[in-house]
Amino acid sequence: MAMHPTLRFRRLSASLVLLLLLQIVGGEDPAGKCHAVKGVINVMTVSGPAGTEDYAQTLVDVEKAIVEVHLECESGCVDLIMLPELFSFNADAAPSDGFDTNPQAGAEAVGGPSSQACGRWAVRYRAYVLCPIAELDADGEGKLVVYNTALLMDRGGEVVGKYRKRFLTYGGSVENDFSLPDEALPVFRTDFGVVGVLTCFDVHFTALWQELNDLKVDLVLWPSAFDGRQLVRAHSITHHYPIVLNGLGVFFEAGGQEVFTPCEGVRGAYEVAVARMDTDQQIVYRNDPRNRGRALTDEVLEKHRDCLQGELIDDVMIAIRSVCHNVSASSTLAAHGVRGMRAYRAEAKRYSEAWRAARKPIPSTLEGLE
């Protein structure tokens, strides 16, 4: 059957636009402009609709938004690009009654068009890319099923790993016939730290966020089709790790402080934001007996006053970050025996549980409980 001339023109135009964008991005290695403060990374979020009626055009539109806003921001390097939940899910391919008759409609396997595009963007920007897709794969019994999956690509465009959404949106959702994974919660090692991923409806289940804390993540990424910033901020405050949301392009430091986004731009259906995230910042409890209360922390801050800066969050917690080239706040504090809030709280929990199991009263000090 002959293709309609208008349709042929639209497809050709989309291909030409994509080629032009690749040439624009490829003109200079963005990684050459990277800043060098230890643990500080540039993160770009691309926020927009979940699902599309034309996934090929969506890939072109997303790349156009990334390229234009990146050039406009003059942000130099980008370490991580985060795309929207199910951003290229081909909703138009699904039957009119949803997934009830064909769970595979609209999904794609890893290595399909979306993950290929994400891999190209990773290579062009020398950046990690979080690439959420409707993933078509076989389950443990060999049956083809669909997962709400977030792929993480490394700077060379290879898949580091994937997170499959643990809790599907309940009631009246396009995910009604998606599948749930049975593997352990993964974390991903990158050149700037350990990254965890949770997706959308996962925000309501605190055990997942606690598990990421136990796995010692340095950064959590939360792609979502809705704005859950207050719930996510609560997890950042509770667990003291930084979180990036791309529902609306919001960034939280460890401890829940919102990060200023110096550059934002809207291109069509997509809003792009760029911010610097500190994955090395440490929250210290000022009354921790292992730190001799406030004494040890204050001594270290004084000794390293040219490179370490402390900012009080409240009367008992202080956020400490590095401002020097290749100086790590977390490593410097650890070298002097200063324990962070997350380690202090984990130890306090273990001791309380041990005393409870032994049916003995909880002591007023942790001394002698080794």
Protein backbone atom coordinates (compact mmCIF):
# COMPACT_ATOMS: atom_id res chain seq x y z
CA MET A 1 0.00 0.00 0.00
CA ALA A 2 1.40 3.41 -0.95
CA MET A 3 2.09 5.84 1.87
CA HIS A 4 0.13 9.06 1.83
CA PRO A 5 2.45 11.94 0.70
CA THR A 6 1.65 14.01 3.81
CA LEU A 7 2.49 11.14 6.15
CA ARG A 8 5.72 10.47 4.24
CA PHE A 9 6.69 14.14 4.59
CA ARG A 10 5.99 14.14 8.33
CA ARG A 11 8.14 11.08 8.91
CA LEU A 12 10.96 12.43 6.76
CA SER A 13 10.79 15.79 8.55
CA ALA A 14 11.00 14.09 11.93
CA SER A 15 14.09 12.17 10.80
CA LEU A 16 15.77 15.33 9.50
CA VAL A 17 15.08 17.15 12.76
CA LEU A 18 16.59 14.30 14.76
CA LEU A 19 19.69 14.26 12.54
CA LEU A 20 20.12 18.02 12.93
CA LEU A 21 19.83 17.77 16.70
CA LEU A 22 22.45 15.06 16.87
CA GLN A 23 24.81 17.26 14.85
CA ILE A 24 24.22 20.20 17.18
CA VAL A 25 24.91 18.15 20.30
CA GLY A 26 27.90 16.39 18.79
CA GLY A 27 29.79 19.61 18.06
CA GLU A 28 31.49 19.73 21.46
CA ASP A 29 32.11 17.33 24.28
CA PRO A 30 29.96 18.70 27.12
CA ALA A 31 31.83 16.63 29.69
CA GLY A 32 34.88 18.84 29.23
CA LYS A 33 33.24 21.65 31.20
CA CYS A 34 32.40 19.61 34.31
CA HIS A 35 32.92 21.21 37.69
CA ALA A 36 35.13 19.31 40.10
CA VAL A 37 33.62 19.69 43.57
CA LYS A 38 33.46 16.19 44.96
CA GLY A 39 30.01 14.66 44.81
CA VAL A 40 28.32 17.64 43.14
CA ILE A 41 26.58 16.74 39.88
CA ASN A 42 24.48 18.54 37.29
CA VAL A 43 21.05 16.92 36.95
CA MET A 44 18.59 17.65 34.15
CA THR A 45 14.95 16.67 34.52
CA VAL A 46 12.57 16.47 31.58
CA SER A 47 8.98 16.60 32.81
CA GLY A 48 6.01 15.91 30.58
CA PRO A 49 3.13 13.56 29.79
CA ALA A 50 3.15 9.84 30.50
CA GLY A 51 2.28 8.08 27.26
CA THR A 52 2.00 9.31 23.70
CA GLU A 53 0.08 8.60 20.52
CA ASP A 54 3.25 8.94 18.42
CA TYR A 55 6.32 7.62 20.16
CA ALA A 56 8.64 8.42 17.22
CA GLN A 57 7.66 12.09 17.32
CA THR A 58 7.91 12.03 21.12
CA LEU A 59 11.55 10.95 20.92
CA VAL A 60 12.24 13.83 18.54
CA ASP A 61 10.38 16.32 20.77
CA VAL A 62 12.18 15.18 23.93
CA GLU A 63 15.59 15.45 22.27
CA LYS A 64 14.75 18.89 20.94
CA ALA A 65 13.78 20.02 24.45
CA ILE A 66 17.02 18.65 25.92
CA VAL A 67 19.24 20.23 23.28
CA GLU A 68 17.62 23.67 23.22
CA VAL A 69 17.36 24.13 26.98
CA HIS A 70 20.88 22.80 27.52
CA LEU A 71 22.28 25.33 25.05
CA GLU A 72 20.14 28.10 26.53
CA CYS A 73 21.24 27.29 30.07
CA GLU A 74 24.93 27.12 29.14
CA SER A 75 25.12 24.51 31.89
CA GLY A 76 28.32 22.91 30.64
CA CYS A 77 28.26 19.22 31.43
CA VAL A 78 25.26 17.18 32.47
CA ASP A 79 25.89 14.17 34.68
CA LEU A 80 22.36 12.79 34.74
CA ILE A 81 19.30 13.21 32.52
CA MET A 82 15.99 12.05 33.98
CA LEU A 83 13.02 11.41 31.71
CA PRO A 84 9.28 11.18 32.59
CA GLU A 85 7.52 8.03 33.68
CA LEU A 86 6.41 5.98 30.62
CA PHE A 87 7.29 9.00 28.47
CA SER A 88 7.32 7.09 25.16
CA PHE A 89 4.67 4.50 25.96
CA ASN A 90 2.75 4.13 22.70
CA ALA A 91 -0.77 4.55 24.04
CA ASP A 92 -2.19 4.66 20.51
CA ALA A 93 -1.11 1.05 19.95
CA ALA A 94 -3.16 -0.21 22.89
CA PRO A 95 -6.67 -1.54 22.22
CA SER A 96 -9.56 0.77 23.02
CA ASP A 97 -10.48 -1.26 26.08
CA GLY A 98 -7.03 -0.91 27.59
CA PHE A 99 -4.76 -3.85 28.32
CA ASP A 100 -7.54 -6.32 29.10
CA THR A 101 -7.19 -8.12 25.79
CA ASN A 102 -3.54 -7.50 24.92
CA PRO A 103 -1.11 -6.62 27.74
CA GLN A 104 1.76 -6.28 25.25
CA ALA A 105 0.17 -3.55 23.14
CA GLY A 106 2.24 -0.40 23.14
CA ALA A 107 5.14 -1.89 25.14
CA GLU A 108 8.70 -2.50 23.93
CA ALA A 109 11.60 -4.68 24.93
CA VAL A 110 14.89 -3.33 26.26
CA GLY A 111 16.83 -2.42 23.13
CA GLY A 112 13.74 -1.00 21.46
CA PRO A 113 13.40 2.53 20.05
CA SER A 114 13.14 4.30 23.41
CA SER A 115 16.13 2.66 25.05
CA GLN A 116 18.15 3.13 21.86
CA ALA A 117 17.36 6.86 21.94
CA CYS A 118 18.27 7.08 25.63
CA GLY A 119 21.54 5.34 24.89
CA ARG A 120 22.35 7.88 22.16
CA TRP A 121 21.62 10.78 24.52
CA ALA A 122 23.86 9.20 27.17
CA VAL A 123 26.75 8.97 24.69
CA ARG A 124 26.25 12.50 23.30
CA TYR A 125 26.16 14.12 26.73
CA ARG A 126 28.52 11.70 28.49
CA ALA A 127 25.71 11.47 31.05
CA TYR A 128 23.73 8.83 32.87
CA VAL A 129 20.15 8.68 31.59
CA LEU A 130 17.12 7.41 33.50
CA CYS A 131 14.85 6.04 30.79
CA PRO A 132 11.36 4.90 31.94
CA ILE A 133 9.60 2.54 29.52
CA ALA A 134 6.71 0.09 29.35
CA GLU A 135 8.97 -2.97 29.21
CA LEU A 136 7.95 -6.12 27.38
CA ASP A 137 9.69 -9.17 28.84
CA ALA A 138 9.11 -12.78 29.81
CA ASP A 139 8.22 -13.59 33.40
CA GLY A 140 9.58 -16.57 35.34
CA GLU A 141 7.24 -18.92 33.50
CA GLY A 142 8.17 -17.62 30.06
CA LYS A 143 4.97 -15.63 29.58
CA LEU A 144 5.29 -12.20 27.95
CA VAL A 145 4.28 -9.49 30.38
CA VAL A 146 4.65 -5.71 30.74
CA TYR A 147 6.52 -3.92 33.53
CA ASN A 148 6.67 -0.23 34.38
CA THR A 149 10.45 -0.08 34.17
CA ALA A 150 13.08 2.60 34.61
CA LEU A 151 16.35 1.80 32.81
CA LEU A 152 19.56 3.48 33.93
CA MET A 153 22.08 4.05 31.12
CA ASP A 154 25.71 4.85 31.87
CA ARG A 155 27.77 7.56 30.18
CA GLY A 156 28.64 5.15 27.38
CA GLY A 157 25.01 4.33 26.62
CA GLU A 158 25.05 0.87 28.20
CA VAL A 159 22.31 -0.33 30.55
CA VAL A 160 23.58 -0.27 34.15
CA GLY A 161 20.41 -1.90 35.42
CA LYS A 162 16.67 -1.49 35.68
CA TYR A 163 14.10 -0.84 38.36
CA ARG A 164 10.62 -2.29 37.95
CA LYS A 165 7.85 -0.44 39.78
CA ARG A 166 6.89 -2.25 42.98
CA PHE A 167 3.41 -0.80 43.55
CA LEU A 168 1.17 -0.19 40.54
CA THR A 169 -1.29 2.69 40.70
CA TYR A 170 -4.44 1.27 42.21
CA GLY A 171 -7.82 1.64 40.52
CA GLY A 172 -8.65 2.91 37.04
CA SER A 173 -5.05 2.95 35.83
CA VAL A 174 -3.47 2.05 32.51
CA GLU A 175 -1.26 -0.21 34.65
CA ASN A 176 -4.15 -2.49 35.64
CA ASP A 177 -2.69 -5.35 33.60
CA PHE A 178 0.98 -4.57 34.08
CA SER A 179 3.01 -7.12 36.07
CA LEU A 180 4.93 -6.86 39.32
CA PRO A 181 8.53 -8.01 39.80
CA ASP A 182 9.67 -10.52 42.40
CA GLU A 183 13.39 -9.67 42.46
CA ALA A 184 15.19 -7.80 45.24
CA LEU A 185 15.13 -4.02 45.26
CA PRO A 186 18.14 -2.94 43.14
CA VAL A 187 20.55 -0.06 43.57
CA PHE A 188 23.03 1.14 40.96
CA ARG A 189 26.67 2.12 41.37
CA THR A 190 27.71 5.18 39.36
CA ASP A 191 30.84 7.31 39.29
CA PHE A 192 29.15 9.81 41.65
CA GLY A 193 27.63 7.37 44.15
CA VAL A 194 24.98 4.73 44.73
CA VAL A 195 21.63 5.51 43.09
CA GLY A 196 18.21 4.15 43.97
CA VAL A 197 15.01 4.47 41.92
CA LEU A 198 11.35 4.38 42.92
CA THR A 199 8.44 5.24 40.65
CA CYS A 200 5.23 7.23 41.13
CA PHE A 201 2.80 5.24 43.35
CA ASP A 202 5.78 3.75 45.25
CA VAL A 203 5.84 7.05 47.15
CA HIS A 204 3.07 5.80 49.46
CA PHE A 205 4.98 2.79 50.79
CA THR A 206 7.52 3.80 53.41
CA ALA A 207 9.20 0.38 53.64
CA LEU A 208 10.68 0.88 50.16
CA TRP A 209 12.24 4.18 51.15
CA GLN A 210 13.61 2.66 54.35
CA GLU A 211 15.09 -0.19 52.32
CA LEU A 212 16.92 2.30 50.09
CA ASN A 213 18.28 3.91 53.25
CA ASP A 214 19.47 0.51 54.48
CA LEU A 215 21.16 -0.04 51.09
CA LYS A 216 23.11 3.18 51.69
CA VAL A 217 22.05 5.10 48.59
CA ASP A 218 23.55 8.52 47.90
CA LEU A 219 20.74 9.70 45.62
CA VAL A 220 17.15 8.63 44.87
CA LEU A 221 15.39 9.26 41.55
CA TRP A 222 11.59 9.38 41.49
CA PRO A 223 10.01 9.55 38.02
CA SER A 224 6.29 10.16 38.38
CA ALA A 225 3.17 11.10 36.46
CA PHE A 226 1.87 13.17 39.38
CA ASP A 227 3.19 15.88 41.67
CA GLY A 228 3.94 14.22 44.99
CA ARG A 229 6.54 16.68 46.20
CA GLN A 230 5.32 16.89 49.81
CA LEU A 231 5.34 13.13 50.24
CA VAL A 232 8.78 12.86 48.62
CA ARG A 233 10.13 15.71 50.73
CA ALA A 234 9.00 13.85 53.84
CA HIS A 235 11.10 10.84 52.76
CA SER A 236 14.11 13.09 52.21
CA ILE A 237 13.68 14.60 55.68
CA THR A 238 13.21 11.19 57.29
CA HIS A 239 16.06 9.35 55.59
CA HIS A 240 18.50 12.19 54.91
CA TYR A 241 19.24 11.40 51.28
CA PRO A 242 18.75 13.73 48.28
CA ILE A 243 15.85 13.03 45.92
CA VAL A 244 15.13 14.22 42.38
CA LEU A 245 11.53 14.36 41.11
CA ASN A 246 10.73 14.85 37.48
CA GLY A 247 6.96 15.13 37.78
CA LEU A 248 7.58 18.88 37.90
CA GLY A 249 11.37 19.05 38.04
CA VAL A 250 11.90 19.40 41.80
CA PHE A 251 15.16 18.75 43.65
CA PHE A 252 15.58 18.06 47.39
CA GLU A 253 18.86 17.99 49.28
CA ALA A 254 19.43 15.45 52.01
CA GLY A 255 17.22 16.71 54.81
CA GLY A 256 14.47 18.04 52.56
CA GLN A 257 15.73 21.50 51.60
CA GLU A 258 14.59 22.37 48.08
CA VAL A 259 17.41 23.10 45.63
CA PHE A 260 17.31 26.24 43.52
CA THR A 261 17.05 25.53 39.78
CA PRO A 262 19.12 28.23 38.03
CA CYS A 263 17.82 27.34 34.60
CA GLU A 264 14.46 26.13 33.32
CA GLY A 265 12.78 26.05 29.93
CA VAL A 266 9.56 24.86 28.34
CA ARG A 267 9.55 23.32 24.88
CA GLY A 268 6.15 22.14 23.71
CA ALA A 269 4.79 19.59 26.17
CA TYR A 270 8.09 19.30 28.05
CA GLU A 271 9.52 21.32 30.91
CA VAL A 272 13.26 21.01 31.40
CA ALA A 273 15.09 22.01 34.58
CA VAL A 274 18.78 21.89 35.50
CA ALA A 275 20.15 21.95 39.05
CA ARG A 276 23.26 21.00 40.96
CA MET A 277 22.82 18.17 43.44
CA ASP A 278 25.26 17.37 46.23
CA THR A 279 25.37 13.60 46.72
CA ASP A 280 28.25 13.91 49.22
CA GLN A 281 26.58 16.22 51.75
CA GLN A 282 26.32 14.76 55.26
CA ILE A 283 23.72 15.38 57.97
CA VAL A 284 25.22 15.06 61.45
CA TYR A 285 23.28 14.72 64.71
CA ARG A 286 24.78 17.21 67.10
CA ASN A 287 24.04 15.15 70.24
CA ASP A 288 25.59 11.89 69.02
CA PRO A 289 27.71 10.55 71.91
CA ARG A 290 30.13 8.95 69.41
CA ASN A 291 30.90 12.46 68.16
CA ARG A 292 31.36 13.71 71.72
CA GLY A 293 28.20 15.68 71.26
CA ARG A 294 29.03 18.75 69.20
CA ALA A 295 32.71 18.87 70.11
CA LEU A 296 34.21 16.53 67.50
CA THR A 297 32.13 17.91 64.64
CA ASP A 298 33.08 21.47 65.54
CA GLU A 299 36.77 20.51 65.75
CA VAL A 300 36.71 18.98 62.25
CA LEU A 301 34.86 21.97 60.79
CA GLU A 302 37.45 24.28 62.28
CA LYS A 303 40.38 22.20 61.07
CA HIS A 304 38.98 22.03 57.52
CA ARG A 305 37.29 25.43 57.48
CA ASP A 306 38.64 26.21 53.99
CA CYS A 307 36.90 23.21 52.44
CA LEU A 308 34.03 22.14 54.69
CA GLN A 309 30.99 24.28 55.39
CA GLY A 310 28.34 23.54 58.00
CA GLU A 311 24.78 24.85 58.02
CA LEU A 312 22.40 24.28 60.91
CA ILE A 313 19.13 22.63 59.88
CA ASP A 314 17.69 22.92 63.36
CA ASP A 315 19.02 22.96 66.92
CA VAL A 316 20.30 19.35 66.78
CA MET A 317 21.23 18.70 63.11
CA ILE A 318 23.84 20.25 60.86
CA ALA A 319 24.37 19.78 57.10
CA ILE A 320 28.05 19.60 56.09
CA ARG A 321 29.29 19.92 52.51
CA SER A 322 32.58 20.35 50.68
CA VAL A 323 33.37 23.41 48.59
CA CYS A 324 36.82 22.28 47.43
CA HIS A 325 38.14 20.45 44.41
CA ASN A 326 38.18 16.69 44.99
CA VAL A 327 37.56 16.99 48.73
CA SER A 328 34.80 14.73 50.01
CA ALA A 329 32.80 15.86 53.03
CA SER A 330 31.73 12.31 53.87
CA SER A 331 35.27 10.89 53.59
CA THR A 332 36.80 13.74 55.60
CA LEU A 333 34.27 13.37 58.40
CA ALA A 334 34.69 9.59 58.45
CA ALA A 335 38.49 9.92 58.61
CA HIS A 336 38.08 11.91 61.83
CA GLY A 337 35.51 9.53 63.27
CA VAL A 338 32.49 11.78 62.81
CA ARG A 339 29.38 9.70 62.30
CA GLY A 340 26.49 10.86 60.14
CA MET A 341 22.85 10.94 61.15
CA ARG A 342 21.89 7.91 59.07
CA ALA A 343 24.52 5.70 60.74
CA TYR A 344 23.63 7.06 64.19
CA ARG A 345 19.95 6.31 63.72
CA ALA A 346 20.64 2.81 62.35
CA GLU A 347 22.77 1.97 65.38
CA ALA A 348 20.21 3.40 67.79
CA LYS A 349 17.53 1.22 66.16
CA ARG A 350 19.65 -1.92 66.47
CA TYR A 351 20.38 -1.28 70.13
CA SER A 352 16.77 -0.52 70.98
CA GLU A 353 15.64 -3.71 69.27
CA ALA A 354 18.32 -5.73 71.06
CA TRP A 355 17.34 -4.40 74.47
CA ARG A 356 13.66 -4.94 73.71
CA ALA A 357 14.33 -8.55 72.72
CA ALA A 358 16.32 -9.08 75.93
CA ARG A 359 13.49 -7.50 77.99
CA LYS A 360 15.89 -5.05 79.58
CA PRO A 361 15.41 -1.30 79.96
CA ILE A 362 16.91 0.97 77.32
CA PRO A 363 19.91 2.79 78.86
CA SER A 364 20.27 6.55 78.71
CA THR A 365 23.67 6.28 76.99
CA LEU A 366 25.11 4.02 74.30
CA GLU A 367 28.34 3.50 76.26
CA GLY A 368 29.24 -0.12 76.89
CA LEU A 369 26.87 -1.55 74.32
CA GLU A 370 29.45 -2.74 71.82
